[in-house]
């Protein structure tokens, strides 16, 4: 309660002073219940807004899937690190790997073309398919 409410005798103070202790306690409990309902409504609204944002984001996401035996490029990790020798011409994709094993949730085990299997799995978002370039001479 604000000090100004006490000095001016606002409607709220006048109504509360006319209530008995039991009625006042019931009014306060009702206000707490209303507050909990408002908090739940706000939480449900927040969850609904997050679902809308997630749905909008996921419409633009392209899932990448690779099968065992496919040739893939791996992004140069950590991303954004440039080789000082090449500057902005540093390669973004490195190596040529074969998908050795497909794991759950978009993870893959890779192996070199020689056959050395990498210990750690890699997320599919850091891979892209290898498409061999063929140059045909047109006459």
C-alpha atoms as a PDB file:
ATOM      1  CA  UNK A   1       0.000   0.000   0.000  1.00  0.00           C
ATOM      2  CA  UNK A   2       1.320   3.445  -0.847  1.00  0.00           C
ATOM      3  CA  UNK A   3       1.733   6.109   1.857  1.00  0.00           C
ATOM      4  CA  UNK A   4      -0.429   8.456  -0.194  1.00  0.00           C
ATOM      5  CA  UNK A   5      -3.286   5.919   0.062  1.00  0.00           C
ATOM      6  CA  UNK A   6      -3.167   6.181   3.850  1.00  0.00           C
ATOM      7  CA  UNK A   7      -2.979   9.964   4.038  1.00  0.00           C
ATOM      8  CA  UNK A   8      -5.677  10.667   1.431  1.00  0.00           C
ATOM      9  CA  UNK A   9      -7.990   7.837   2.520  1.00  0.00           C
ATOM     10  CA  UNK A  10      -8.446   6.372  -0.947  1.00  0.00           C
ATOM     11  CA  UNK A  11     -11.378   4.157  -1.845  1.00  0.00           C
ATOM     12  CA  UNK A  12      -9.201   1.098  -1.381  1.00  0.00           C
ATOM     13  CA  UNK A  13      -8.342   2.039   2.222  1.00  0.00           C
ATOM     14  CA  UNK A  14     -11.933   2.886   3.062  1.00  0.00           C
ATOM     15  CA  UNK A  15     -13.170  -0.452   1.697  1.00  0.00           C
ATOM     16  CA  UNK A  16     -10.468  -2.424   3.500  1.00  0.00           C
ATOM     17  CA  UNK A  17     -11.133  -0.716   6.818  1.00  0.00           C
ATOM     18  CA  UNK A  18     -14.804  -1.690   6.672  1.00  0.00           C
ATOM     19  CA  UNK A  19     -13.972  -5.389   6.180  1.00  0.00           C
ATOM     20  CA  UNK A  20     -13.657  -7.801   9.040  1.00  0.00           C
ATOM     21  CA  UNK A  21     -10.474  -9.819   9.460  1.00  0.00           C
ATOM     22  CA  UNK A  22     -12.041 -12.949   7.932  1.00  0.00           C
ATOM     23  CA  UNK A  23     -13.392 -11.046   4.917  1.00  0.00           C
ATOM     24  CA  UNK A  24     -10.045  -9.262   4.466  1.00  0.00           C
ATOM     25  CA  UNK A  25      -8.133 -12.576   4.549  1.00  0.00           C
ATOM     26  CA  UNK A  26     -10.534 -14.095   2.003  1.00  0.00           C
ATOM     27  CA  UNK A  27     -10.113 -11.059  -0.258  1.00  0.00           C
ATOM     28  CA  UNK A  28      -6.312 -11.371  -0.080  1.00  0.00           C
ATOM     29  CA  UNK A  29      -6.460 -15.118  -0.821  1.00  0.00           C
ATOM     30  CA  UNK A  30      -8.720 -14.454  -3.799  1.00  0.00           C
ATOM     31  CA  UNK A  31      -6.246 -11.862  -5.057  1.00  0.00           C
ATOM     32  CA  UNK A  32      -3.410 -14.405  -4.765  1.00  0.00           C
ATOM     33  CA  UNK A  33      -5.431 -16.979  -6.719  1.00  0.00           C
ATOM     34  CA  UNK A  34      -6.139 -14.410  -9.424  1.00  0.00           C
ATOM     35  CA  UNK A  35      -2.432 -13.605  -9.552  1.00  0.00           C
ATOM     36  CA  UNK A  36      -1.546 -17.286 -10.064  1.00  0.00           C
ATOM     37  CA  UNK A  37      -4.091 -17.520 -12.900  1.00  0.00           C
ATOM     38  CA  UNK A  38      -2.608 -14.411 -14.534  1.00  0.00           C
ATOM     39  CA  UNK A  39       0.878 -15.895 -14.229  1.00  0.00           C
ATOM     40  CA  UNK A  40      -0.287 -19.153 -15.849  1.00  0.00           C
ATOM     41  CA  UNK A  41      -1.983 -17.216 -18.656  1.00  0.00           C
ATOM     42  CA  UNK A  42       1.225 -15.249 -19.260  1.00  0.00           C
ATOM     43  CA  UNK A  43       3.274 -18.457 -19.267  1.00  0.00           C
ATOM     44  CA  UNK A  44       0.900 -20.147 -21.742  1.00  0.00           C
ATOM     45  CA  UNK A  45       1.084 -17.096 -24.002  1.00  0.00           C
ATOM     46  CA  UNK A  46       4.887 -17.189 -23.859  1.00  0.00           C
ATOM     47  CA  UNK A  47       4.948 -20.898 -24.776  1.00  0.00           C
ATOM     48  CA  UNK A  48       2.559 -20.296 -27.685  1.00  0.00           C
ATOM     49  CA  UNK A  49       4.704 -17.425 -28.991  1.00  0.00           C
ATOM     50  CA  UNK A  50       7.840 -19.583 -28.791  1.00  0.00           C
ATOM     51  CA  UNK A  51       6.118 -22.337 -30.778  1.00  0.00           C
ATOM     52  CA  UNK A  52       5.131 -19.821 -33.453  1.00  0.00           C
ATOM     53  CA  UNK A  53       8.708 -18.536 -33.664  1.00  0.00           C
ATOM     54  CA  UNK A  54      10.072 -22.108 -33.785  1.00  0.00           C
ATOM     55  CA  UNK A  55       7.664 -23.039 -36.579  1.00  0.00           C
ATOM     56  CA  UNK A  56       8.656 -19.941 -38.582  1.00  0.00           C
ATOM     57  CA  UNK A  57      12.362 -20.687 -38.118  1.00  0.00           C
ATOM     58  CA  UNK A  58      12.058 -24.383 -38.974  1.00  0.00           C
ATOM     59  CA  UNK A  59      10.348 -23.583 -42.284  1.00  0.00           C
ATOM     60  CA  UNK A  60      13.645 -22.147 -43.539  1.00  0.00           C
ATOM     61  CA  UNK A  61      15.880 -24.918 -42.187  1.00  0.00           C
ATOM     62  CA  UNK A  62      16.912 -27.514 -44.725  1.00  0.00           C
ATOM     63  CA  UNK A  63      17.612 -30.937 -43.306  1.00  0.00           C
ATOM     64  CA  UNK A  64      20.713 -32.626 -44.662  1.00  0.00           C
ATOM     65  CA  UNK A  65      20.788 -36.392 -44.805  1.00  0.00           C
ATOM     66  CA  UNK A  66      23.640 -38.554 -45.961  1.00  0.00           C
ATOM     67  CA  UNK A  67      23.856 -42.282 -46.507  1.00  0.00           C
ATOM     68  CA  UNK A  68      26.698 -44.635 -45.694  1.00  0.00           C
ATOM     69  CA  UNK A  69      29.378 -44.602 -48.344  1.00  0.00           C
ATOM     70  CA  UNK A  70      28.594 -41.084 -49.641  1.00  0.00           C
ATOM     71  CA  UNK A  71      31.403 -38.646 -50.294  1.00  0.00           C
ATOM     72  CA  UNK A  72      31.128 -35.431 -48.277  1.00  0.00           C
ATOM     73  CA  UNK A  73      33.055 -32.246 -47.578  1.00  0.00           C
ATOM     74  CA  UNK A  74      33.575 -31.199 -43.974  1.00  0.00           C
ATOM     75  CA  UNK A  75      33.528 -27.552 -42.956  1.00  0.00           C
ATOM     76  CA  UNK A  76      36.817 -26.181 -41.708  1.00  0.00           C
ATOM     77  CA  UNK A  77      36.367 -26.025 -37.936  1.00  0.00           C
ATOM     78  CA  UNK A  78      36.430 -23.759 -36.021  1.00  0.00           C
ATOM     79  CA  UNK A  79      34.386 -21.725 -38.446  1.00  0.00           C
ATOM     80  CA  UNK A  80      35.440 -18.162 -39.125  1.00  0.00           C
ATOM     81  CA  UNK A  81      39.144 -18.811 -38.506  1.00  0.00           C
ATOM     82  CA  UNK A  82      41.166 -17.729 -41.488  1.00  0.00           C
ATOM     83  CA  UNK A  83      44.577 -19.030 -42.484  1.00  0.00           C
ATOM     84  CA  UNK A  84      46.911 -16.001 -42.498  1.00  0.00           C
ATOM     85  CA  UNK A  85      48.620 -17.320 -45.637  1.00  0.00           C
ATOM     86  CA  UNK A  86      45.400 -17.171 -47.660  1.00  0.00           C
ATOM     87  CA  UNK A  87      43.450 -14.390 -45.899  1.00  0.00           C
ATOM     88  CA  UNK A  88      39.903 -14.148 -47.216  1.00  0.00           C
ATOM     89  CA  UNK A  89      40.661 -16.899 -49.733  1.00  0.00           C
ATOM     90  CA  UNK A  90      40.968 -19.489 -46.962  1.00  0.00           C
ATOM     91  CA  UNK A  91      39.009 -22.651 -47.749  1.00  0.00           C
ATOM     92  CA  UNK A  92      35.639 -23.068 -46.047  1.00  0.00           C
ATOM     93  CA  UNK A  93      35.340 -26.791 -46.751  1.00  0.00           C
ATOM     94  CA  UNK A  94      38.122 -29.290 -46.310  1.00  0.00           C
ATOM     95  CA  UNK A  95      39.017 -32.848 -47.018  1.00  0.00           C
ATOM     96  CA  UNK A  96      36.974 -35.406 -48.826  1.00  0.00           C
ATOM     97  CA  UNK A  97      35.462 -37.946 -46.475  1.00  0.00           C
ATOM     98  CA  UNK A  98      33.260 -41.009 -46.724  1.00  0.00           C
ATOM     99  CA  UNK A  99      30.290 -41.411 -44.396  1.00  0.00           C
ATOM    100  CA  UNK A 100      31.243 -44.490 -42.384  1.00  0.00           C
ATOM    101  CA  UNK A 101      28.220 -44.765 -40.092  1.00  0.00           C
ATOM    102  CA  UNK A 102      24.934 -42.879 -39.692  1.00  0.00           C
ATOM    103  CA  UNK A 103      24.083 -42.096 -36.060  1.00  0.00           C
ATOM    104  CA  UNK A 104      20.937 -40.707 -34.419  1.00  0.00           C
ATOM    105  CA  UNK A 105      19.771 -37.088 -34.682  1.00  0.00           C
ATOM    106  CA  UNK A 106      21.839 -36.095 -37.714  1.00  0.00           C
ATOM    107  CA  UNK A 107      25.271 -37.194 -36.510  1.00  0.00           C
ATOM    108  CA  UNK A 108      27.745 -39.118 -38.650  1.00  0.00           C
ATOM    109  CA  UNK A 109      31.015 -41.004 -38.270  1.00  0.00           C
ATOM    110  CA  UNK A 110      33.432 -40.200 -41.077  1.00  0.00           C
ATOM    111  CA  UNK A 111      36.455 -41.937 -42.487  1.00  0.00           C
ATOM    112  CA  UNK A 112      39.159 -40.775 -44.839  1.00  0.00           C
ATOM    113  CA  UNK A 113      39.313 -42.142 -48.331  1.00  0.00           C
ATOM    114  CA  UNK A 114      42.305 -44.174 -47.166  1.00  0.00           C
ATOM    115  CA  UNK A 115      40.157 -45.834 -44.492  1.00  0.00           C
ATOM    116  CA  UNK A 116      41.125 -44.054 -41.250  1.00  0.00           C
ATOM    117  CA  UNK A 117      37.965 -43.700 -39.144  1.00  0.00           C
ATOM    118  CA  UNK A 118      37.542 -40.484 -37.146  1.00  0.00           C
ATOM    119  CA  UNK A 119      36.862 -41.052 -33.463  1.00  0.00           C
ATOM    120  CA  UNK A 120      34.398 -38.215 -32.877  1.00  0.00           C
ATOM    121  CA  UNK A 121      31.071 -37.974 -34.697  1.00  0.00           C
ATOM    122  CA  UNK A 122      30.161 -34.774 -36.537  1.00  0.00           C
ATOM    123  CA  UNK A 123      26.825 -33.037 -36.943  1.00  0.00           C
ATOM    124  CA  UNK A 124      25.320 -33.115 -40.426  1.00  0.00           C
ATOM    125  CA  UNK A 125      25.081 -29.310 -40.537  1.00  0.00           C
ATOM    126  CA  UNK A 126      28.886 -29.232 -40.857  1.00  0.00           C
ATOM    127  CA  UNK A 127      28.858 -31.493 -43.939  1.00  0.00           C
ATOM    128  CA  UNK A 128      27.887 -31.064 -47.562  1.00  0.00           C
ATOM    129  CA  UNK A 129      27.636 -33.539 -50.389  1.00  0.00           C
ATOM    130  CA  UNK A 130      30.444 -33.886 -52.849  1.00  0.00           C
ATOM    131  CA  UNK A 131      29.396 -33.500 -56.447  1.00  0.00           C
ATOM    132  CA  UNK A 132      32.190 -34.302 -58.878  1.00  0.00           C
ATOM    133  CA  UNK A 133      32.696 -31.632 -61.489  1.00  0.00           C
ATOM    134  CA  UNK A 134      32.793 -32.867 -65.039  1.00  0.00           C
ATOM    135  CA  UNK A 135      34.138 -30.646 -67.747  1.00  0.00           C
ATOM    136  CA  UNK A 136      32.867 -31.481 -71.170  1.00  0.00           C
ATOM    137  CA  UNK A 137      34.342 -29.978 -74.222  1.00  0.00           C
ATOM    138  CA  UNK A 138      31.742 -28.553 -76.526  1.00  0.00           C
ATOM    139  CA  UNK A 139      32.529 -28.505 -80.176  1.00  0.00           C
END
